[in-house]
Amino acid sequence: LLELPGGALVGLRVWAGVAVAVGPPISAGDDPAASLEAFVNRCETYGWVPTVLDADAASVRAGADLGFSALKIGEEAVVDLEGFSLIGRARANVRHSATRAERDGVAVLRYDTASRTEALDRQLGAISDAWLATKHGPELGFTLGRFHPDGLDDQEVFVAATPEGAVAFLTWLPYAGGRAAVLDLMRRGEGAPPGVMDLLIARSLDDLGRRGYRQASLGGVPLASTTERVTGLEQALGWMYEHGESVYEAKGLFAFKRKFDPRWEPIHLLYPTASDLPRIAVAVGRAFLPRGFGALQGWVPRRRPR
């Protein structure tokens, strides 16, 4: 975290002189332009190229006033929790998967101080370790959390369990003063019944809504787009979306989140000049794929010889 003048905070990682911030600076005030300008000024002091990932609409407008360009780089799935239900055609697939998991004996519990035990902590840790060990690609970094029992008290945690013990869990990070939450960790144990993650998300969304949360973000899908790709840059991102499964399975992630019938909100990258984009692209890759950036090589499109 970097503290800015005026009390704003911004989370960032710096690589090769590029400061990659996830989301706009956070401040108690209602002036996103001032906070963004403070971030830009601080970057200029250190000689960094300022870049903002996941910029909201207000930040895109503020960035335009500062001479920044915005590139749509993905979509975020947001579910409004008032009246959330699995009834109806839109979420029928989730309903069927959740019902199947419950028929297989899976129950979902909110993992709080009343239900937490050291034994169950160890089970969740074992599930997380086994899941990470069997992942086909590198774990994304920077915006995703890491499992540690000491951090569970600050999150909304839900566990799927059979009579034999825990089989999966997920965590939500509250924001907006407890009125919203974003999905963080999803961990599924080997041999967990089919539909367990659909059940976990559905029951946790219902629980959050009953306790006063207004919306929940299922997180972003980099490279995805629900609108037409017009510019050359957007079309290049579309190519990576279609052909980049070896690095990041964006299409599968989009399909999974689409089952919950969310509304899709654009994810933008704010950048100062087009000439900075190559360096920014590498810095973003380093931030999100710290152990697997080399995997990007091999699927970047190359011109065929004439």
Protein backbone atom coordinates (compact mmCIF):
# COMPACT_ATOMS: atom_id res chain seq x y z
CA LEU A 1 0.00 0.00 0.00
CA LEU A 2 1.17 3.50 -0.84
CA GLU A 3 -0.16 6.45 1.17
CA LEU A 4 -0.87 9.56 -0.86
CA PRO A 5 -1.33 13.20 0.12
CA GLY A 6 -4.78 13.79 1.53
CA GLY A 7 -4.93 10.39 3.20
CA ALA A 8 -5.70 8.31 0.09
CA LEU A 9 -4.28 4.80 -0.21
CA VAL A 10 -3.46 2.80 -3.31
CA GLY A 11 -2.37 -0.81 -3.64
CA LEU A 12 0.29 -1.28 -6.28
CA ARG A 13 3.23 -3.25 -7.52
CA VAL A 14 6.17 -1.69 -9.35
CA TRP A 15 8.05 -3.52 -12.07
CA ALA A 16 10.63 -2.01 -14.45
CA GLY A 17 9.50 1.50 -13.60
CA VAL A 18 5.78 0.83 -14.11
CA ALA A 19 3.48 1.29 -11.11
CA VAL A 20 0.49 -1.05 -11.56
CA ALA A 21 -2.38 -0.11 -9.25
CA VAL A 22 -5.39 -2.38 -8.90
CA GLY A 23 -8.36 -0.09 -8.71
CA PRO A 24 -8.28 3.66 -8.20
CA PRO A 25 -6.84 5.18 -5.02
CA ILE A 26 -9.12 4.81 -2.00
CA SER A 27 -9.93 7.89 0.07
CA ALA A 28 -12.54 9.05 2.55
CA GLY A 29 -13.51 11.93 0.27
CA ASP A 30 -15.72 11.95 -2.81
CA ASP A 31 -13.19 13.40 -5.25
CA PRO A 32 -11.71 10.56 -7.33
CA ALA A 33 -9.98 13.07 -9.59
CA ALA A 34 -7.95 14.50 -6.72
CA SER A 35 -6.90 11.05 -5.49
CA LEU A 36 -5.94 9.94 -8.98
CA GLU A 37 -3.95 13.10 -9.55
CA ALA A 38 -2.15 12.53 -6.24
CA PHE A 39 -1.23 9.03 -7.42
CA VAL A 40 0.05 10.36 -10.74
CA ASN A 41 2.11 13.06 -9.01
CA ARG A 42 3.67 10.54 -6.64
CA CYS A 43 4.58 8.29 -9.59
CA GLU A 44 6.23 11.24 -11.33
CA THR A 45 8.26 11.89 -8.18
CA TYR A 46 9.66 8.36 -8.29
CA GLY A 47 9.95 8.23 -12.07
CA TRP A 48 7.27 5.54 -12.42
CA VAL A 49 4.78 5.14 -15.25
CA PRO A 50 1.34 5.28 -13.56
CA THR A 51 -1.15 2.61 -14.58
CA VAL A 52 -4.54 1.75 -13.08
CA LEU A 53 -6.20 -1.63 -13.56
CA ASP A 54 -9.91 -2.09 -12.93
CA ALA A 55 -10.67 1.61 -13.18
CA ASP A 56 -14.33 2.46 -12.60
CA ALA A 57 -16.33 4.95 -14.66
CA ALA A 58 -15.48 7.88 -12.39
CA SER A 59 -11.77 7.09 -12.63
CA VAL A 60 -11.97 6.77 -16.41
CA ARG A 61 -13.48 10.28 -16.57
CA ALA A 62 -10.91 11.63 -14.12
CA GLY A 63 -8.12 9.97 -16.08
CA ALA A 64 -9.32 11.54 -19.31
CA ASP A 65 -9.02 14.98 -17.70
CA LEU A 66 -5.41 14.10 -16.84
CA GLY A 67 -4.65 12.97 -20.39
CA PHE A 68 -4.96 9.23 -19.77
CA SER A 69 -6.44 6.78 -22.23
CA ALA A 70 -8.69 3.89 -21.20
CA LEU A 71 -8.64 0.40 -22.68
CA LYS A 72 -11.34 -2.13 -21.87
CA ILE A 73 -9.52 -5.27 -20.78
CA GLY A 74 -12.25 -7.44 -19.30
CA GLU A 75 -15.61 -7.77 -17.62
CA GLU A 76 -16.64 -7.98 -13.97
CA ALA A 77 -19.60 -10.13 -12.92
CA VAL A 78 -21.79 -8.37 -10.34
CA VAL A 79 -24.87 -9.89 -8.68
CA ASP A 80 -27.48 -7.66 -7.05
CA LEU A 81 -28.52 -9.42 -3.85
CA GLU A 82 -31.90 -7.87 -3.20
CA GLY A 83 -34.36 -10.61 -4.06
CA PHE A 84 -31.60 -12.99 -5.17
CA SER A 85 -33.06 -16.38 -6.07
CA LEU A 86 -32.28 -19.46 -8.12
CA ILE A 87 -35.89 -19.71 -9.25
CA GLY A 88 -36.45 -19.23 -12.98
CA ARG A 89 -34.72 -20.06 -16.23
CA ALA A 90 -31.77 -17.63 -15.91
CA ARG A 91 -30.10 -19.57 -13.08
CA ALA A 92 -31.55 -22.99 -13.82
CA ASN A 93 -28.13 -24.60 -14.38
CA VAL A 94 -26.92 -23.39 -10.99
CA ARG A 95 -30.12 -24.62 -9.35
CA HIS A 96 -29.76 -28.11 -10.83
CA SER A 97 -26.06 -28.34 -9.86
CA ALA A 98 -26.74 -27.14 -6.31
CA THR A 99 -29.59 -29.62 -5.89
CA ARG A 100 -27.39 -32.46 -7.07
CA ALA A 101 -24.68 -31.56 -4.56
CA GLU A 102 -27.21 -31.45 -1.73
CA ARG A 103 -28.54 -34.87 -2.77
CA ASP A 104 -24.95 -36.12 -2.41
CA GLY A 105 -24.97 -35.01 1.21
CA VAL A 106 -23.25 -31.61 0.94
CA ALA A 107 -24.29 -28.85 3.33
CA VAL A 108 -23.01 -25.26 3.44
CA LEU A 109 -22.17 -23.47 6.66
CA ARG A 110 -21.00 -19.94 7.35
CA TYR A 111 -17.59 -20.35 8.95
CA ASP A 112 -17.54 -17.82 11.78
CA THR A 113 -16.51 -17.77 15.43
CA ALA A 114 -19.48 -19.95 16.37
CA SER A 115 -18.55 -22.77 13.99
CA ARG A 116 -14.79 -22.43 13.70
CA THR A 117 -12.48 -25.14 15.07
CA GLU A 118 -8.78 -25.85 14.80
CA ALA A 119 -9.55 -29.21 13.20
CA LEU A 120 -11.65 -27.58 10.47
CA ASP A 121 -8.95 -24.93 9.96
CA ARG A 122 -6.51 -27.76 9.23
CA GLN A 123 -8.96 -29.34 6.79
CA LEU A 124 -9.33 -26.07 4.89
CA GLY A 125 -5.57 -25.66 4.79
CA ALA A 126 -5.16 -29.16 3.39
CA ILE A 127 -7.81 -28.49 0.73
CA SER A 128 -6.07 -25.28 -0.28
CA ASP A 129 -2.62 -26.90 -0.46
CA ALA A 130 -3.89 -29.82 -2.53
CA TRP A 131 -5.79 -27.51 -4.89
CA LEU A 132 -2.72 -25.35 -5.51
CA ALA A 133 -0.55 -28.42 -6.09
CA THR A 134 -2.81 -29.70 -8.87
CA LYS A 135 -3.43 -26.44 -10.73
CA HIS A 136 -2.50 -26.66 -14.40
CA GLY A 137 -1.20 -23.10 -14.56
CA PRO A 138 0.40 -20.64 -12.17
CA GLU A 139 -1.73 -19.11 -9.45
CA LEU A 140 -2.71 -15.57 -10.23
CA GLY A 141 -1.18 -13.02 -7.92
CA PHE A 142 -1.64 -9.41 -6.88
CA THR A 143 -5.44 -9.25 -6.61
CA LEU A 144 -6.14 -12.72 -5.28
CA GLY A 145 -5.71 -13.62 -1.63
CA ARG A 146 -3.82 -16.47 -0.05
CA PHE A 147 -5.26 -18.90 2.45
CA HIS A 148 -4.16 -18.44 6.03
CA PRO A 149 -6.28 -19.16 9.12
CA ASP A 150 -5.22 -15.91 10.78
CA GLY A 151 -6.88 -13.89 8.00
CA LEU A 152 -10.26 -15.61 8.05
CA ASP A 153 -11.75 -13.35 10.73
CA ASP A 154 -11.70 -10.39 8.33
CA GLN A 155 -13.55 -12.27 5.58
CA GLU A 156 -16.86 -13.95 4.93
CA VAL A 157 -16.02 -17.66 4.80
CA PHE A 158 -18.35 -20.47 3.72
CA VAL A 159 -17.56 -24.18 3.89
CA ALA A 160 -19.12 -27.09 2.03
CA ALA A 161 -19.04 -30.27 4.07
CA THR A 162 -20.29 -33.85 4.03
CA PRO A 163 -20.61 -36.01 7.16
CA GLU A 164 -16.98 -37.02 6.54
CA GLY A 165 -15.65 -33.45 6.67
CA ALA A 166 -15.00 -30.34 4.57
CA VAL A 167 -14.83 -30.77 0.79
CA ALA A 168 -14.60 -27.15 -0.41
CA PHE A 169 -14.70 -23.56 0.76
CA LEU A 170 -14.74 -20.01 -0.51
CA THR A 171 -14.12 -16.55 0.93
CA TRP A 172 -15.59 -13.11 0.28
CA LEU A 173 -13.86 -9.80 1.01
CA PRO A 174 -16.28 -7.12 2.25
CA TYR A 175 -16.04 -3.57 0.88
CA ALA A 176 -18.21 -0.44 0.61
CA GLY A 177 -18.69 -0.37 4.37
CA GLY A 178 -20.04 -3.90 4.50
CA ARG A 179 -22.66 -3.28 1.81
CA ALA A 180 -20.81 -5.31 -0.84
CA ALA A 181 -18.38 -8.21 -1.09
CA VAL A 182 -16.05 -9.60 -3.74
CA LEU A 183 -15.34 -13.30 -4.22
CA ASP A 184 -11.73 -14.05 -3.34
CA LEU A 185 -10.65 -17.65 -2.72
CA MET A 186 -12.34 -20.73 -4.19
CA ARG A 187 -10.92 -24.06 -3.12
CA ARG A 188 -12.33 -27.48 -4.01
CA GLY A 189 -11.01 -30.72 -2.57
CA GLU A 190 -10.21 -33.74 -4.69
CA GLY A 191 -13.23 -35.99 -4.89
CA ALA A 192 -15.71 -33.27 -3.92
CA PRO A 193 -19.20 -34.04 -5.28
CA PRO A 194 -20.20 -32.40 -8.57
CA GLY A 195 -21.89 -29.03 -8.23
CA VAL A 196 -20.27 -28.19 -4.92
CA MET A 197 -18.90 -24.79 -6.04
CA ASP A 198 -22.25 -23.78 -7.55
CA LEU A 199 -23.88 -24.71 -4.25
CA LEU A 200 -21.30 -22.78 -2.23
CA ILE A 201 -21.69 -19.60 -4.25
CA ALA A 202 -25.48 -19.79 -4.37
CA ARG A 203 -25.93 -20.36 -0.64
CA SER A 204 -23.34 -17.75 0.30
CA LEU A 205 -24.99 -15.15 -1.97
CA ASP A 206 -28.32 -15.90 -0.28
CA ASP A 207 -26.74 -15.58 3.19
CA LEU A 208 -24.99 -12.30 2.36
CA GLY A 209 -28.22 -10.84 1.02
CA ARG A 210 -30.17 -11.78 4.16
CA ARG A 211 -27.55 -10.05 6.30
CA GLY A 212 -27.74 -6.72 4.51
CA TYR A 213 -25.21 -6.96 1.69
CA ARG A 214 -26.53 -5.23 -1.41
CA GLN A 215 -24.31 -6.67 -4.10
CA ALA A 216 -21.59 -9.23 -4.62
CA SER A 217 -18.87 -9.29 -7.23
CA LEU A 218 -17.92 -12.67 -8.62
CA GLY A 219 -14.72 -11.02 -9.78
CA GLY A 220 -13.41 -10.05 -13.15
CA VAL A 221 -12.74 -12.04 -16.29
CA PRO A 222 -9.67 -10.59 -18.01
CA LEU A 223 -9.85 -10.39 -21.81
CA ALA A 224 -13.62 -11.07 -21.91
CA SER A 225 -15.99 -8.63 -23.57
CA THR A 226 -19.78 -8.47 -23.81
CA THR A 227 -19.57 -5.68 -26.38
CA GLU A 228 -18.11 -5.51 -29.88
CA ARG A 229 -14.34 -5.21 -30.12
CA VAL A 230 -13.68 -2.25 -32.38
CA THR A 231 -10.08 -1.04 -32.13
CA GLY A 232 -6.98 -2.98 -33.02
CA LEU A 233 -6.03 -3.30 -29.36
CA GLU A 234 -9.45 -4.65 -28.45
CA GLN A 235 -9.24 -7.18 -31.27
CA ALA A 236 -5.80 -8.28 -30.08
CA LEU A 237 -7.26 -8.88 -26.61
CA GLY A 238 -10.03 -10.85 -28.27
CA TRP A 239 -7.47 -13.06 -29.97
CA MET A 240 -5.84 -13.76 -26.60
CA TYR A 241 -9.25 -14.52 -25.10
CA GLU A 242 -9.90 -17.11 -27.81
CA HIS A 243 -6.43 -18.70 -27.92
CA GLY A 244 -4.76 -18.13 -24.55
CA GLU A 245 -6.02 -21.17 -22.65
CA SER A 246 -2.47 -22.30 -21.86
CA VAL A 247 -1.98 -19.21 -19.70
CA TYR A 248 -5.42 -18.31 -18.43
CA GLU A 249 -8.73 -20.03 -19.14
CA ALA A 250 -10.77 -16.86 -19.55
CA LYS A 251 -13.48 -18.48 -21.67
CA GLY A 252 -14.18 -21.16 -19.09
CA LEU A 253 -14.19 -18.61 -16.28
CA PHE A 254 -16.62 -16.41 -18.20
CA ALA A 255 -18.96 -19.35 -18.81
CA PHE A 256 -18.85 -20.34 -15.13
CA LYS A 257 -19.73 -16.87 -13.89
CA ARG A 258 -22.37 -16.33 -16.57
CA LYS A 259 -24.41 -19.16 -15.01
CA PHE A 260 -25.25 -16.85 -12.10
CA ASP A 261 -26.90 -14.32 -14.46
CA PRO A 262 -24.80 -11.35 -13.31
CA ARG A 263 -24.73 -7.91 -14.80
CA TRP A 264 -21.42 -7.30 -16.54
CA GLU A 265 -19.42 -4.16 -15.80
CA PRO A 266 -16.38 -3.23 -17.89
CA ILE A 267 -12.87 -3.42 -16.51
CA HIS A 268 -10.59 -0.69 -17.85
CA LEU A 269 -6.88 -0.10 -17.92
CA LEU A 270 -5.83 3.54 -17.58
CA TYR A 271 -2.51 4.33 -19.24
CA PRO A 272 -0.69 7.57 -20.11
CA THR A 273 0.48 7.04 -23.71
CA ALA A 274 0.34 4.30 -26.34
CA SER A 275 4.13 4.14 -26.36
CA ASP A 276 4.00 2.96 -22.73
CA LEU A 277 1.72 0.01 -23.47
CA PRO A 278 4.42 -2.61 -24.21
CA ARG A 279 6.12 -1.96 -20.87
CA ILE A 280 2.75 -1.80 -19.12
CA ALA A 281 1.69 -5.14 -20.62
CA VAL A 282 4.83 -6.82 -19.31
CA ALA A 283 4.40 -5.21 -15.87
CA VAL A 284 0.80 -6.37 -15.65
CA GLY A 285 1.88 -9.86 -16.65
CA ARG A 286 4.53 -9.87 -13.95
CA ALA A 287 1.98 -8.66 -11.39
CA PHE A 288 -0.62 -11.29 -12.20
CA LEU A 289 1.55 -14.22 -13.25
CA PRO A 290 4.71 -13.87 -11.17
CA ARG A 291 5.71 -17.52 -11.56
CA GLY A 292 4.39 -18.17 -15.00
CA PHE A 293 5.05 -15.16 -17.18
CA GLY A 294 7.22 -17.25 -19.45
CA ALA A 295 4.11 -19.19 -20.40
CA LEU A 296 2.99 -16.18 -22.39
CA GLN A 297 5.66 -17.05 -24.91
CA GLY A 298 4.45 -19.53 -27.48
CA TRP A 299 0.89 -18.31 -27.84
CA VAL A 300 1.47 -14.69 -28.79
CA PRO A 301 0.38 -14.38 -32.44
CA ARG A 302 3.24 -14.04 -34.91
CA ARG A 303 3.13 -12.86 -38.49
CA ARG A 304 3.38 -15.67 -41.00
CA PRO A 305 6.13 -15.33 -43.60
CA ARG A 306 4.83 -14.33 -47.00
